[in-house]
Protein backbone atom coordinates (compact mmCIF):
# COMPACT_ATOMS: atom_id res chain seq x y z
CA MET A 1 112.54 74.90 66.83
CA ILE A 2 113.33 71.85 68.96
CA GLN A 3 111.90 71.13 72.41
CA HIS A 4 114.43 70.10 75.05
CA SER A 5 112.19 67.29 76.28
CA GLN A 6 112.48 65.63 72.83
CA LEU A 7 116.28 65.30 73.02
CA SER A 8 118.48 62.91 74.92
CA PRO A 9 121.52 64.47 76.64
CA LYS A 10 123.80 62.86 74.04
CA SER A 11 121.72 64.14 71.12
CA LEU A 12 121.63 67.63 72.64
CA ARG A 13 125.43 67.73 73.02
CA SER A 14 125.84 66.51 69.45
CA LYS A 15 123.50 69.17 68.04
CA ILE A 16 125.25 71.92 70.01
CA HIS A 17 128.69 70.69 68.90
CA SER A 18 127.61 70.59 65.23
CA GLN A 19 125.94 74.02 65.68
CA ASP A 20 122.50 72.70 64.73
CA ILE A 21 121.52 74.39 68.01
CA ARG A 22 122.97 77.82 68.81
CA PHE A 23 120.29 79.53 70.92
CA GLY A 24 117.90 78.49 73.66
CA GLY A 25 114.49 79.89 74.46
CA ASN A 26 111.63 79.86 76.93
CA LYS A 27 108.42 78.85 75.14
CA LYS A 28 106.14 80.37 77.81
CA LEU A 29 107.87 83.76 77.91
CA LYS A 30 108.78 83.80 74.17
CA ILE A 31 112.38 84.85 74.94
CA TYR A 32 115.56 83.47 73.32
CA GLY A 33 119.20 83.84 74.27
CA LEU A 34 122.67 82.38 74.34
CA LEU A 35 123.12 78.82 75.57
CA SER A 36 125.51 80.15 78.24
CA CYS A 37 122.93 82.55 79.74
CA GLY A 38 122.34 82.04 83.46
CA SER A 39 118.66 82.90 83.11
CA GLY A 40 118.21 80.24 80.46
CA LYS A 41 119.99 77.61 82.50
CA ARG A 42 117.53 78.11 85.38
CA MET A 43 114.34 77.52 83.37
CA LYS A 44 112.37 74.30 83.57
CA ILE A 45 113.18 71.72 80.90
CA GLU A 46 109.54 71.57 79.78
CA ASN A 47 109.71 75.30 78.92
CA ARG A 48 113.10 75.11 77.13
CA ILE A 49 113.36 75.07 73.36
CA PHE A 50 116.28 75.46 70.97
CA PHE A 51 116.90 77.37 67.75
CA LYS A 52 119.48 76.97 65.00
CA ASP A 53 119.91 80.74 64.67
CA GLU A 54 118.47 84.11 65.66
CA GLU A 55 116.43 84.31 62.48
CA GLU A 56 114.51 81.16 63.43
CA ALA A 57 113.78 82.57 66.89
CA LEU A 58 112.57 85.88 65.50
CA GLN A 59 110.41 84.14 62.86
CA ASN A 60 108.70 82.32 65.74
CA ASN A 61 107.99 85.66 67.48
CA TYR A 62 110.57 85.31 70.25
CA ARG A 63 112.40 88.35 71.59
CA PRO A 64 116.09 88.59 72.57
CA CYS A 65 117.05 88.09 76.23
CA GLY A 66 117.77 91.32 78.08
CA HIS A 67 120.54 89.68 80.12
CA CYS A 68 122.79 87.91 77.64
CA MET A 69 121.85 89.76 74.43
CA LYS A 70 121.68 93.36 75.64
CA GLU A 71 122.34 95.03 72.28
CA ALA A 72 119.86 92.87 70.35
CA TYR A 73 117.30 93.44 73.12
CA LYS A 74 117.75 97.24 72.94
CA GLN A 75 117.25 97.15 69.17
CA TRP A 76 114.15 94.94 69.54
CA LYS A 77 112.72 97.23 72.22
CA GLN A 78 113.28 100.36 70.09
CA LYS A 79 111.61 98.67 67.13
CA MET A 80 108.61 97.68 69.24
CA SER A 81 108.34 101.19 70.73
CA SER A 82 108.36 102.80 67.30
CA GLN A 83 105.70 100.35 66.03
CA ILE A 84 103.47 101.16 69.01
CA ALA A 85 104.01 104.90 68.53
CA SER A 86 103.11 104.70 64.84
CA ARG A 87 99.91 102.76 65.63
CA CYS A 88 98.89 105.31 68.25
CA SER A 89 99.43 108.26 65.90
CA GLN A 90 97.15 106.83 63.20
């Protein structure tokens, strides 16, 4: 996980080009998504972080963006709903 404020514009472009960064996230909302997502582009730089892959984002307890990653978000939401339902039935 890399904070945007720790990168220069040149370093950021280099990491994206080399695919060291493939996803962006909002550290306050704990959401990650594609670098091309309009929602992600509007967030404040101090809230923006970057991930190498989805696995890294999920390991850090971030959820997929509902705008740019609709299918992954639906799967995440179903998983969370089933976990809540199983806790309530115990």
